[in-house]
Amino acid sequence: MSTLAMGKQNRLKLGGKRGNKLRAQKRKKLSSGSNLTGAGQLVMRSIMMMLGLSLVAVLGVGLLYGYRFITSHSYFELAEIQVTGNSRVTYGDILEDGDVRLGLNCLEMNVGEVEDKLSNNPWIQSVTVRREFPNRLRVGIVEKVPMFWSRQGDGLYFADATGKIIAPMHPGEMASLPVLSVASTIDDGDAVLTGILQKIDEKQTPFTQAQTAWIKLTSAHEMEIYLDGHANGKGLTVKLSMDRWELQLERVKIAWRDLMRRDEFKDAAIIAASGDKVWVKKYPAKS
């Protein structure tokens, strides 16, 4: 009985060792196969990445050649450049300032850059540039409107309705504009100037802009308007306090009508309104 038991135990031990060996070899094979699979995946990833990069490079080269083709093709060359809204700024000035010309490729041109360049022209208030494919360019100009001449040093400049300088006046440039003078202590003159010009334009003043030779905003905070052609060339000065100047203008209008009614207007040298008072200074009577 013991011999048989010992034989069985030996066989069991031998079988156990043999099974353990087989399982270890199987695990080794599986591990080896797993390593080969991981290396293969890495190679495949590398190949796919290289193919992707090659495809991107091919597409990039294709796009580059395509862009060069369409930006050099005569089909897109500018055949017409239309400019509207310009009066003082010439067609040639706009082409030169905007750096545009016929024959320029419509696609290659940067519309924003053209607008920026044209905006640097002192006479241009606003500008819009629009492409019309395949070969047209539309340029819309809004120019600044000169309302005054303004002396700066020894030069004479055009100024807008607020008194802001636009550009110097060059020989040969003509315009019938009043001369503007603003004291350095005045800091609210733009609103007064815009307002009086609007009143003149709406015919709410007893004089016109053509009659106005000059306008001064003085350090005494008064607006002086000199009208030439009055009293045989002697002229008439209208003075308004800048404080409540619209009310003062209405009082001047009443005095103006009263002088006309009494046939004394031709003798008036100054009509002034300030505070609650209006007074008239007449030219000396002829002896």
C-alpha atoms as a PDB file:
ATOM      1  CA  MET A   1       0.000   0.000   0.000  1.00  0.00           C
ATOM      2  CA  SER A   2       2.767   2.422   0.738  1.00  0.00           C
ATOM      3  CA  THR A   3       4.610   1.459  -2.462  1.00  0.00           C
ATOM      4  CA  LEU A   4       1.546   2.164  -4.547  1.00  0.00           C
ATOM      5  CA  ALA A   5       0.947   5.448  -2.802  1.00  0.00           C
ATOM      6  CA  MET A   6       4.496   6.513  -3.336  1.00  0.00           C
ATOM      7  CA  GLY A   7       4.245   5.695  -7.062  1.00  0.00           C
ATOM      8  CA  LYS A   8       1.118   7.731  -7.400  1.00  0.00           C
ATOM      9  CA  GLN A   9       2.708  10.640  -5.581  1.00  0.00           C
ATOM     10  CA  ASN A  10       5.780  10.516  -7.849  1.00  0.00           C
ATOM     11  CA  ARG A  11       3.589  10.462 -10.944  1.00  0.00           C
ATOM     12  CA  LEU A  12       1.600  13.367  -9.612  1.00  0.00           C
ATOM     13  CA  LYS A  13       4.751  15.332  -8.915  1.00  0.00           C
ATOM     14  CA  LEU A  14       6.183  14.596 -12.351  1.00  0.00           C
ATOM     15  CA  GLY A  15       2.891  15.525 -13.997  1.00  0.00           C
ATOM     16  CA  GLY A  16       2.733  18.750 -12.026  1.00  0.00           C
ATOM     17  CA  LYS A  17       6.222  19.758 -13.075  1.00  0.00           C
ATOM     18  CA  ARG A  18       5.469  18.897 -16.694  1.00  0.00           C
ATOM     19  CA  GLY A  19       2.292  21.048 -16.548  1.00  0.00           C
ATOM     20  CA  ASN A  20       4.089  23.946 -14.995  1.00  0.00           C
ATOM     21  CA  LYS A  21       6.723  23.822 -17.760  1.00  0.00           C
ATOM     22  CA  LEU A  22       4.098  23.798 -20.468  1.00  0.00           C
ATOM     23  CA  ARG A  23       2.271  26.735 -18.929  1.00  0.00           C
ATOM     24  CA  ALA A  24       5.506  28.739 -18.588  1.00  0.00           C
ATOM     25  CA  GLN A  25       6.420  28.039 -22.238  1.00  0.00           C
ATOM     26  CA  LYS A  26       2.924  29.095 -23.315  1.00  0.00           C
ATOM     27  CA  ARG A  27       3.166  32.351 -21.354  1.00  0.00           C
ATOM     28  CA  LYS A  28       6.602  33.002 -22.912  1.00  0.00           C
ATOM     29  CA  LYS A  29       5.216  32.470 -26.408  1.00  0.00           C
ATOM     30  CA  LEU A  30       2.274  34.738 -25.696  1.00  0.00           C
ATOM     31  CA  SER A  31       4.581  37.393 -24.285  1.00  0.00           C
ATOM     32  CA  SER A  32       6.843  37.127 -27.310  1.00  0.00           C
ATOM     33  CA  GLY A  33       3.834  37.435 -29.660  1.00  0.00           C
ATOM     34  CA  SER A  34       2.596  40.479 -27.744  1.00  0.00           C
ATOM     35  CA  ASN A  35       5.986  42.190 -28.144  1.00  0.00           C
ATOM     36  CA  LEU A  36       5.955  41.564 -31.879  1.00  0.00           C
ATOM     37  CA  THR A  37       2.436  42.973 -32.119  1.00  0.00           C
ATOM     38  CA  GLY A  38       3.429  46.184 -30.253  1.00  0.00           C
ATOM     39  CA  ALA A  39       6.442  46.728 -32.552  1.00  0.00           C
ATOM     40  CA  GLY A  40       4.252  46.202 -35.582  1.00  0.00           C
ATOM     41  CA  GLN A  41       1.760  48.755 -34.365  1.00  0.00           C
ATOM     42  CA  LEU A  42       4.561  51.293 -33.893  1.00  0.00           C
ATOM     43  CA  VAL A  43       5.802  50.673 -37.425  1.00  0.00           C
ATOM     44  CA  MET A  44       2.281  51.050 -38.796  1.00  0.00           C
ATOM     45  CA  ARG A  45       1.786  54.296 -36.906  1.00  0.00           C
ATOM     46  CA  SER A  46       5.057  55.633 -38.289  1.00  0.00           C
ATOM     47  CA  ILE A  47       4.083  54.693 -41.821  1.00  0.00           C
ATOM     48  CA  MET A  48       0.661  56.335 -41.472  1.00  0.00           C
ATOM     49  CA  MET A  49       2.227  59.483 -40.054  1.00  0.00           C
ATOM     50  CA  MET A  50       4.692  59.695 -42.938  1.00  0.00           C
ATOM     51  CA  LEU A  51       1.879  59.202 -45.423  1.00  0.00           C
ATOM     52  CA  GLY A  52      -0.139  61.947 -43.697  1.00  0.00           C
ATOM     53  CA  LEU A  53       2.775  64.375 -43.755  1.00  0.00           C
ATOM     54  CA  SER A  54       3.408  63.580 -47.403  1.00  0.00           C
ATOM     55  CA  LEU A  55      -0.234  64.239 -48.216  1.00  0.00           C
ATOM     56  CA  VAL A  56      -0.152  67.580 -46.377  1.00  0.00           C
ATOM     57  CA  ALA A  57       3.044  68.551 -48.218  1.00  0.00           C
ATOM     58  CA  VAL A  58       1.491  67.632 -51.572  1.00  0.00           C
ATOM     59  CA  LEU A  59      -1.658  69.615 -50.776  1.00  0.00           C
ATOM     60  CA  GLY A  60       0.424  72.598 -49.621  1.00  0.00           C
ATOM     61  CA  VAL A  61       2.457  72.629 -52.809  1.00  0.00           C
ATOM     62  CA  GLY A  62      -0.739  72.292 -54.835  1.00  0.00           C
ATOM     63  CA  LEU A  63      -2.400  75.194 -53.052  1.00  0.00           C
ATOM     64  CA  LEU A  64       0.711  77.339 -53.451  1.00  0.00           C
ATOM     65  CA  TYR A  65       0.895  76.711 -57.177  1.00  0.00           C
ATOM     66  CA  GLY A  66      -2.856  77.249 -57.448  1.00  0.00           C
ATOM     67  CA  TYR A  67      -2.635  80.588 -55.626  1.00  0.00           C
ATOM     68  CA  ARG A  68       0.265  81.692 -57.810  1.00  0.00           C
ATOM     69  CA  PHE A  69      -1.684  80.719 -60.888  1.00  0.00           C
ATOM     70  CA  ILE A  70      -4.863  82.667 -60.087  1.00  0.00           C
ATOM     71  CA  THR A  71      -2.963  85.731 -58.786  1.00  0.00           C
ATOM     72  CA  SER A  72      -1.000  85.988 -62.010  1.00  0.00           C
ATOM     73  CA  HIS A  73      -3.736  85.138 -64.482  1.00  0.00           C
ATOM     74  CA  SER A  74      -4.854  87.961 -66.773  1.00  0.00           C
ATOM     75  CA  TYR A  75      -8.513  87.103 -66.108  1.00  0.00           C
ATOM     76  CA  PHE A  76      -8.282  88.815 -62.697  1.00  0.00           C
ATOM     77  CA  GLU A  77      -6.307  91.907 -63.794  1.00  0.00           C
ATOM     78  CA  LEU A  78      -8.108  95.186 -63.032  1.00  0.00           C
ATOM     79  CA  ALA A  79      -9.720  96.527 -66.181  1.00  0.00           C
ATOM     80  CA  GLU A  80     -11.770  99.284 -64.492  1.00  0.00           C
ATOM     81  CA  ILE A  81     -11.291 101.459 -61.401  1.00  0.00           C
ATOM     82  CA  GLN A  82     -14.374 103.572 -60.662  1.00  0.00           C
ATOM     83  CA  VAL A  83     -14.150 106.481 -58.190  1.00  0.00           C
ATOM     84  CA  THR A  84     -17.223 108.316 -56.889  1.00  0.00           C
ATOM     85  CA  GLY A  85     -17.725 111.179 -54.453  1.00  0.00           C
ATOM     86  CA  ASN A  86     -14.463 112.975 -55.179  1.00  0.00           C
ATOM     87  CA  SER A  87     -14.399 116.645 -56.096  1.00  0.00           C
ATOM     88  CA  ARG A  88     -11.246 118.197 -54.694  1.00  0.00           C
ATOM     89  CA  VAL A  89      -9.215 114.968 -54.692  1.00  0.00           C
ATOM     90  CA  THR A  90      -8.377 113.977 -58.275  1.00  0.00           C
ATOM     91  CA  TYR A  91      -8.681 110.548 -59.832  1.00  0.00           C
ATOM     92  CA  GLY A  92      -4.905 110.430 -60.222  1.00  0.00           C
ATOM     93  CA  ASP A  93      -4.388 111.339 -56.547  1.00  0.00           C
ATOM     94  CA  ILE A  94      -6.606 108.446 -55.491  1.00  0.00           C
ATOM     95  CA  LEU A  95      -4.734 105.934 -57.656  1.00  0.00           C
ATOM     96  CA  GLU A  96      -1.388 107.227 -56.383  1.00  0.00           C
ATOM     97  CA  ASP A  97      -2.360 107.471 -52.706  1.00  0.00           C
ATOM     98  CA  GLY A  98      -4.103 104.079 -52.733  1.00  0.00           C
ATOM     99  CA  ASP A  99      -1.271 102.458 -54.722  1.00  0.00           C
ATOM    100  CA  VAL A 100      -3.713 100.909 -57.207  1.00  0.00           C
ATOM    101  CA  ARG A 101      -3.565 100.805 -60.986  1.00  0.00           C
ATOM    102  CA  LEU A 102      -5.087  99.087 -63.979  1.00  0.00           C
ATOM    103  CA  GLY A 103      -3.594  95.652 -64.546  1.00  0.00           C
ATOM    104  CA  LEU A 104      -3.164  94.931 -60.842  1.00  0.00           C
ATOM    105  CA  ASN A 105      -4.448  91.476 -59.883  1.00  0.00           C
ATOM    106  CA  CYS A 106      -7.840  91.845 -58.198  1.00  0.00           C
ATOM    107  CA  LEU A 107      -7.297  88.869 -55.872  1.00  0.00           C
ATOM    108  CA  GLU A 108      -3.784  89.825 -54.821  1.00  0.00           C
ATOM    109  CA  MET A 109      -4.833  93.349 -53.801  1.00  0.00           C
ATOM    110  CA  ASN A 110      -5.515  94.006 -50.090  1.00  0.00           C
ATOM    111  CA  VAL A 111      -8.669  96.163 -49.914  1.00  0.00           C
ATOM    112  CA  GLY A 112      -8.080  97.094 -46.256  1.00  0.00           C
ATOM    113  CA  GLU A 113      -4.600  98.419 -47.028  1.00  0.00           C
ATOM    114  CA  VAL A 114      -5.963 100.512 -49.912  1.00  0.00           C
ATOM    115  CA  GLU A 115      -8.556 102.084 -47.585  1.00  0.00           C
ATOM    116  CA  ASP A 116      -5.905 102.808 -44.930  1.00  0.00           C
ATOM    117  CA  LYS A 117      -3.639 104.502 -47.467  1.00  0.00           C
ATOM    118  CA  LEU A 118      -6.455 106.656 -48.864  1.00  0.00           C
ATOM    119  CA  SER A 119      -7.548 107.641 -45.358  1.00  0.00           C
ATOM    120  CA  ASN A 120      -4.197 109.401 -44.934  1.00  0.00           C
ATOM    121  CA  ASN A 121      -5.230 111.985 -47.537  1.00  0.00           C
ATOM    122  CA  PRO A 122      -6.169 115.125 -45.522  1.00  0.00           C
ATOM    123  CA  TRP A 123      -9.186 115.835 -47.741  1.00  0.00           C
ATOM    124  CA  ILE A 124     -10.755 112.384 -47.376  1.00  0.00           C
ATOM    125  CA  GLN A 125     -13.172 112.021 -44.471  1.00  0.00           C
ATOM    126  CA  SER A 126     -14.122 108.401 -45.183  1.00  0.00           C
ATOM    127  CA  VAL A 127     -13.560 105.855 -47.941  1.00  0.00           C
ATOM    128  CA  THR A 128     -14.909 102.454 -48.959  1.00  0.00           C
ATOM    129  CA  VAL A 129     -13.125 100.157 -51.399  1.00  0.00           C
ATOM    130  CA  ARG A 130     -14.976  97.221 -52.937  1.00  0.00           C
ATOM    131  CA  ARG A 131     -13.907  94.526 -55.387  1.00  0.00           C
ATOM    132  CA  GLU A 132     -16.235  93.314 -58.122  1.00  0.00           C
ATOM    133  CA  PHE A 133     -14.915  90.080 -59.578  1.00  0.00           C
ATOM    134  CA  PRO A 134     -13.324  89.371 -61.841  1.00  0.00           C
ATOM    135  CA  ASN A 135     -11.680  92.702 -62.745  1.00  0.00           C
ATOM    136  CA  ARG A 136     -13.377  95.809 -61.281  1.00  0.00           C
ATOM    137  CA  LEU A 137     -12.669  98.058 -58.306  1.00  0.00           C
ATOM    138  CA  ARG A 138     -15.120 100.539 -56.787  1.00  0.00           C
ATOM    139  CA  VAL A 139     -13.823 103.396 -54.608  1.00  0.00           C
ATOM    140  CA  GLY A 140     -16.341 105.583 -52.752  1.00  0.00           C
ATOM    141  CA  ILE A 141     -15.041 108.862 -51.309  1.00  0.00           C
ATOM    142  CA  VAL A 142     -16.579 111.266 -48.788  1.00  0.00           C
ATOM    143  CA  GLU A 143     -14.557 114.485 -48.753  1.00  0.00           C
ATOM    144  CA  LYS A 144     -14.200 117.014 -45.979  1.00  0.00           C
ATOM    145  CA  VAL A 145     -16.020 120.292 -46.632  1.00  0.00           C
ATOM    146  CA  PRO A 146     -14.019 123.497 -46.087  1.00  0.00           C
ATOM    147  CA  MET A 147     -16.015 126.212 -44.316  1.00  0.00           C
ATOM    148  CA  PHE A 148     -13.273 128.636 -43.297  1.00  0.00           C
ATOM    149  CA  TRP A 149      -9.829 129.898 -44.055  1.00  0.00           C
ATOM    150  CA  SER A 150      -7.577 129.867 -41.013  1.00  0.00           C
ATOM    151  CA  ARG A 151      -4.237 131.621 -40.630  1.00  0.00           C
ATOM    152  CA  GLN A 152      -1.467 129.527 -39.094  1.00  0.00           C
ATOM    153  CA  GLY A 153       1.792 131.454 -38.930  1.00  0.00           C
ATOM    154  CA  ASP A 154       2.423 132.843 -42.401  1.00  0.00           C
ATOM    155  CA  GLY A 155       0.198 130.296 -44.135  1.00  0.00           C
ATOM    156  CA  LEU A 156      -3.481 130.144 -44.967  1.00  0.00           C
ATOM    157  CA  TYR A 157      -5.279 126.844 -44.366  1.00  0.00           C
ATOM    158  CA  PHE A 158      -8.672 125.345 -45.119  1.00  0.00           C
ATOM    159  CA  ALA A 159     -10.685 124.478 -41.993  1.00  0.00           C
ATOM    160  CA  ASP A 160     -13.899 122.537 -41.441  1.00  0.00           C
ATOM    161  CA  ALA A 161     -17.098 123.653 -39.699  1.00  0.00           C
ATOM    162  CA  THR A 162     -15.552 123.134 -36.253  1.00  0.00           C
ATOM    163  CA  GLY A 163     -12.442 125.159 -37.119  1.00  0.00           C
ATOM    164  CA  LYS A 164     -10.230 122.077 -37.435  1.00  0.00           C
ATOM    165  CA  ILE A 165      -7.452 122.459 -39.995  1.00  0.00           C
ATOM    166  CA  ILE A 166      -7.857 120.346 -43.142  1.00  0.00           C
ATOM    167  CA  ALA A 167      -4.974 121.253 -45.431  1.00  0.00           C
ATOM    168  CA  PRO A 168      -2.911 124.254 -46.551  1.00  0.00           C
ATOM    169  CA  MET A 169      -4.189 126.444 -49.361  1.00  0.00           C
ATOM    170  CA  HIS A 170      -1.962 126.253 -52.429  1.00  0.00           C
ATOM    171  CA  PRO A 171      -1.544 128.946 -55.098  1.00  0.00           C
ATOM    172  CA  GLY A 172      -4.376 128.794 -57.601  1.00  0.00           C
ATOM    173  CA  GLU A 173      -6.910 127.347 -55.177  1.00  0.00           C
ATOM    174  CA  MET A 174      -9.903 129.642 -54.926  1.00  0.00           C
ATOM    175  CA  ALA A 175     -12.868 129.620 -52.577  1.00  0.00           C
ATOM    176  CA  SER A 176     -15.208 132.223 -51.109  1.00  0.00           C
ATOM    177  CA  LEU A 177     -14.859 131.452 -47.418  1.00  0.00           C
ATOM    178  CA  PRO A 178     -14.778 133.588 -44.274  1.00  0.00           C
ATOM    179  CA  VAL A 179     -11.499 133.859 -42.401  1.00  0.00           C
ATOM    180  CA  LEU A 180     -11.631 132.265 -38.950  1.00  0.00           C
ATOM    181  CA  SER A 181      -9.753 133.434 -35.893  1.00  0.00           C
ATOM    182  CA  VAL A 182     -10.072 131.680 -32.515  1.00  0.00           C
ATOM    183  CA  ALA A 183      -8.425 132.911 -29.325  1.00  0.00           C
ATOM    184  CA  SER A 184      -6.234 130.353 -27.576  1.00  0.00           C
ATOM    185  CA  THR A 185      -8.358 130.630 -24.413  1.00  0.00           C
ATOM    186  CA  ILE A 186     -11.504 129.404 -26.184  1.00  0.00           C
ATOM    187  CA  ASP A 187     -12.213 125.718 -25.590  1.00  0.00           C
ATOM    188  CA  ASP A 188     -15.876 125.489 -26.639  1.00  0.00           C
ATOM    189  CA  GLY A 189     -15.634 127.182 -30.017  1.00  0.00           C
ATOM    190  CA  ASP A 190     -16.379 124.139 -32.190  1.00  0.00           C
ATOM    191  CA  ALA A 191     -19.997 123.886 -31.008  1.00  0.00           C
ATOM    192  CA  VAL A 192     -20.584 127.634 -31.489  1.00  0.00           C
ATOM    193  CA  LEU A 193     -19.070 127.612 -34.980  1.00  0.00           C
ATOM    194  CA  THR A 194     -21.070 124.578 -36.069  1.00  0.00           C
ATOM    195  CA  GLY A 195     -24.218 126.169 -34.681  1.00  0.00           C
ATOM    196  CA  ILE A 196     -23.835 129.556 -36.385  1.00  0.00           C
ATOM    197  CA  LEU A 197     -23.018 127.907 -39.714  1.00  0.00           C
ATOM    198  CA  GLN A 198     -26.156 125.800 -39.422  1.00  0.00           C
ATOM    199  CA  LYS A 199     -28.225 128.928 -38.706  1.00  0.00           C
ATOM    200  CA  ILE A 200     -26.748 130.633 -41.766  1.00  0.00           C
ATOM    201  CA  ASP A 201     -27.399 127.584 -43.950  1.00  0.00           C
ATOM    202  CA  GLU A 202     -31.004 127.393 -42.755  1.00  0.00           C
ATOM    203  CA  LYS A 203     -31.455 131.116 -43.486  1.00  0.00           C
ATOM    204  CA  GLN A 204     -32.143 131.911 -39.834  1.00  0.00           C
ATOM    205  CA  THR A 205     -29.692 134.829 -39.864  1.00  0.00           C
ATOM    206  CA  PRO A 206     -30.204 138.252 -41.498  1.00  0.00           C
ATOM    207  CA  PHE A 207     -26.938 137.728 -43.438  1.00  0.00           C
ATOM    208  CA  THR A 208     -25.528 135.027 -45.700  1.00  0.00           C
ATOM    209  CA  GLN A 209     -22.208 133.201 -45.703  1.00  0.00           C
ATOM    210  CA  ALA A 210     -21.233 134.991 -48.905  1.00  0.00           C
ATOM    211  CA  GLN A 211     -21.527 138.313 -47.026  1.00  0.00           C
ATOM    212  CA  THR A 212     -19.383 137.044 -44.152  1.00  0.00           C
ATOM    213  CA  ALA A 213     -15.764 138.194 -44.468  1.00  0.00           C
ATOM    214  CA  TRP A 214     -14.473 136.839 -41.169  1.00  0.00           C
ATOM    215  CA  ILE A 215     -15.539 135.316 -37.849  1.00  0.00           C
ATOM    216  CA  LYS A 216     -13.636 135.771 -34.604  1.00  0.00           C
ATOM    217  CA  LEU A 217     -14.018 134.023 -31.284  1.00  0.00           C
ATOM    218  CA  THR A 218     -12.345 136.447 -28.926  1.00  0.00           C
ATOM    219  CA  SER A 219     -10.767 136.067 -25.489  1.00  0.00           C
ATOM    220  CA  ALA A 220     -13.735 138.078 -24.145  1.00  0.00           C
ATOM    221  CA  HIS A 221     -15.872 135.031 -25.066  1.00  0.00           C
ATOM    222  CA  GLU A 222     -17.594 136.900 -27.861  1.00  0.00           C
ATOM    223  CA  MET A 223     -18.300 135.944 -31.449  1.00  0.00           C
ATOM    224  CA  GLU A 224     -17.641 138.729 -33.937  1.00  0.00           C
ATOM    225  CA  ILE A 225     -18.967 138.409 -37.468  1.00  0.00           C
ATOM    226  CA  TYR A 226     -17.807 140.988 -39.991  1.00  0.00           C
ATOM    227  CA  LEU A 227     -20.009 141.572 -43.039  1.00  0.00           C
ATOM    228  CA  ASP A 228     -18.456 143.357 -45.988  1.00  0.00           C
ATOM    229  CA  GLY A 229     -20.372 145.178 -48.694  1.00  0.00           C
ATOM    230  CA  HIS A 230     -22.354 147.171 -46.124  1.00  0.00           C
ATOM    231  CA  ALA A 231     -22.577 150.972 -46.001  1.00  0.00           C
ATOM    232  CA  ASN A 232     -20.711 151.490 -49.266  1.00  0.00           C
ATOM    233  CA  GLY A 233     -17.931 149.069 -48.307  1.00  0.00           C
ATOM    234  CA  LYS A 234     -17.494 150.203 -44.718  1.00  0.00           C
ATOM    235  CA  GLY A 235     -18.862 146.925 -43.425  1.00  0.00           C
ATOM    236  CA  LEU A 236     -20.928 145.891 -40.435  1.00  0.00           C
ATOM    237  CA  THR A 237     -19.795 143.960 -37.357  1.00  0.00           C
ATOM    238  CA  VAL A 238     -22.232 141.728 -35.470  1.00  0.00           C
ATOM    239  CA  LYS A 239     -21.161 140.847 -31.926  1.00  0.00           C
ATOM    240  CA  LEU A 240     -22.756 138.075 -29.892  1.00  0.00           C
ATOM    241  CA  SER A 241     -21.882 136.868 -26.427  1.00  0.00           C
ATOM    242  CA  MET A 242     -20.992 133.157 -26.726  1.00  0.00           C
ATOM    243  CA  ASP A 243     -23.064 132.527 -23.607  1.00  0.00           C
ATOM    244  CA  ARG A 244     -26.591 131.867 -24.893  1.00  0.00           C
ATOM    245  CA  TRP A 245     -25.494 133.023 -28.351  1.00  0.00           C
ATOM    246  CA  GLU A 246     -28.718 131.776 -29.996  1.00  0.00           C
ATOM    247  CA  LEU A 247     -30.797 134.066 -27.767  1.00  0.00           C
ATOM    248  CA  GLN A 248     -28.411 136.926 -28.515  1.00  0.00           C
ATOM    249  CA  LEU A 249     -28.815 136.275 -32.243  1.00  0.00           C
ATOM    250  CA  GLU A 250     -32.597 136.599 -31.954  1.00  0.00           C
ATOM    251  CA  ARG A 251     -32.153 139.983 -30.217  1.00  0.00           C
ATOM    252  CA  VAL A 252     -29.816 141.154 -32.971  1.00  0.00           C
ATOM    253  CA  LYS A 253     -32.402 140.172 -35.562  1.00  0.00           C
ATOM    254  CA  ILE A 254     -35.006 142.325 -33.796  1.00  0.00           C
ATOM    255  CA  ALA A 255     -32.634 145.302 -33.727  1.00  0.00           C
ATOM    256  CA  TRP A 256     -31.703 144.676 -37.375  1.00  0.00           C
ATOM    257  CA  ARG A 257     -35.365 144.785 -38.465  1.00  0.00           C
ATOM    258  CA  ASP A 258     -35.971 147.908 -36.402  1.00  0.00           C
ATOM    259  CA  LEU A 259     -33.041 149.708 -38.056  1.00  0.00           C
ATOM    260  CA  MET A 260     -34.312 148.670 -41.462  1.00  0.00           C
ATOM    261  CA  ARG A 261     -37.809 149.942 -40.623  1.00  0.00           C
ATOM    262  CA  ARG A 262     -36.453 153.327 -39.547  1.00  0.00           C
ATOM    263  CA  ASP A 263     -34.110 153.510 -42.539  1.00  0.00           C
ATOM    264  CA  GLU A 264     -31.107 153.706 -40.211  1.00  0.00           C
ATOM    265  CA  PHE A 265     -29.529 150.366 -41.051  1.00  0.00           C
ATOM    266  CA  LYS A 266     -27.114 151.892 -43.554  1.00  0.00           C
ATOM    267  CA  ASP A 267     -25.571 153.947 -40.757  1.00  0.00           C
ATOM    268  CA  ALA A 268     -24.940 151.004 -38.419  1.00  0.00           C
ATOM    269  CA  ALA A 269     -21.295 150.052 -37.808  1.00  0.00           C
ATOM    270  CA  ILE A 270     -21.793 147.540 -34.964  1.00  0.00           C
ATOM    271  CA  ILE A 271     -24.832 145.632 -33.683  1.00  0.00           C
ATOM    272  CA  ALA A 272     -24.006 143.876 -30.417  1.00  0.00           C
ATOM    273  CA  ALA A 273     -25.933 141.709 -27.968  1.00  0.00           C
ATOM    274  CA  SER A 274     -24.722 140.582 -24.568  1.00  0.00           C
ATOM    275  CA  GLY A 275     -26.570 139.675 -21.412  1.00  0.00           C
ATOM    276  CA  ASP A 276     -29.954 141.398 -21.588  1.00  0.00           C
ATOM    277  CA  LYS A 277     -28.813 144.312 -23.728  1.00  0.00           C
ATOM    278  CA  VAL A 278     -28.546 145.140 -27.397  1.00  0.00           C
ATOM    279  CA  TRP A 279     -26.805 148.237 -28.639  1.00  0.00           C
ATOM    280  CA  VAL A 280     -25.976 149.788 -31.977  1.00  0.00           C
ATOM    281  CA  LYS A 281     -22.948 151.869 -32.862  1.00  0.00           C
ATOM    282  CA  LYS A 282     -23.362 154.062 -35.927  1.00  0.00           C
ATOM    283  CA  TYR A 283     -20.841 155.499 -38.298  1.00  0.00           C
ATOM    284  CA  PRO A 284     -20.127 159.206 -37.737  1.00  0.00           C
ATOM    285  CA  ALA A 285     -22.494 161.481 -39.645  1.00  0.00           C
ATOM    286  CA  LYS A 286     -20.998 163.179 -42.663  1.00  0.00           C
ATOM    287  CA  SER A 287     -20.158 166.782 -41.962  1.00  0.00           C
END
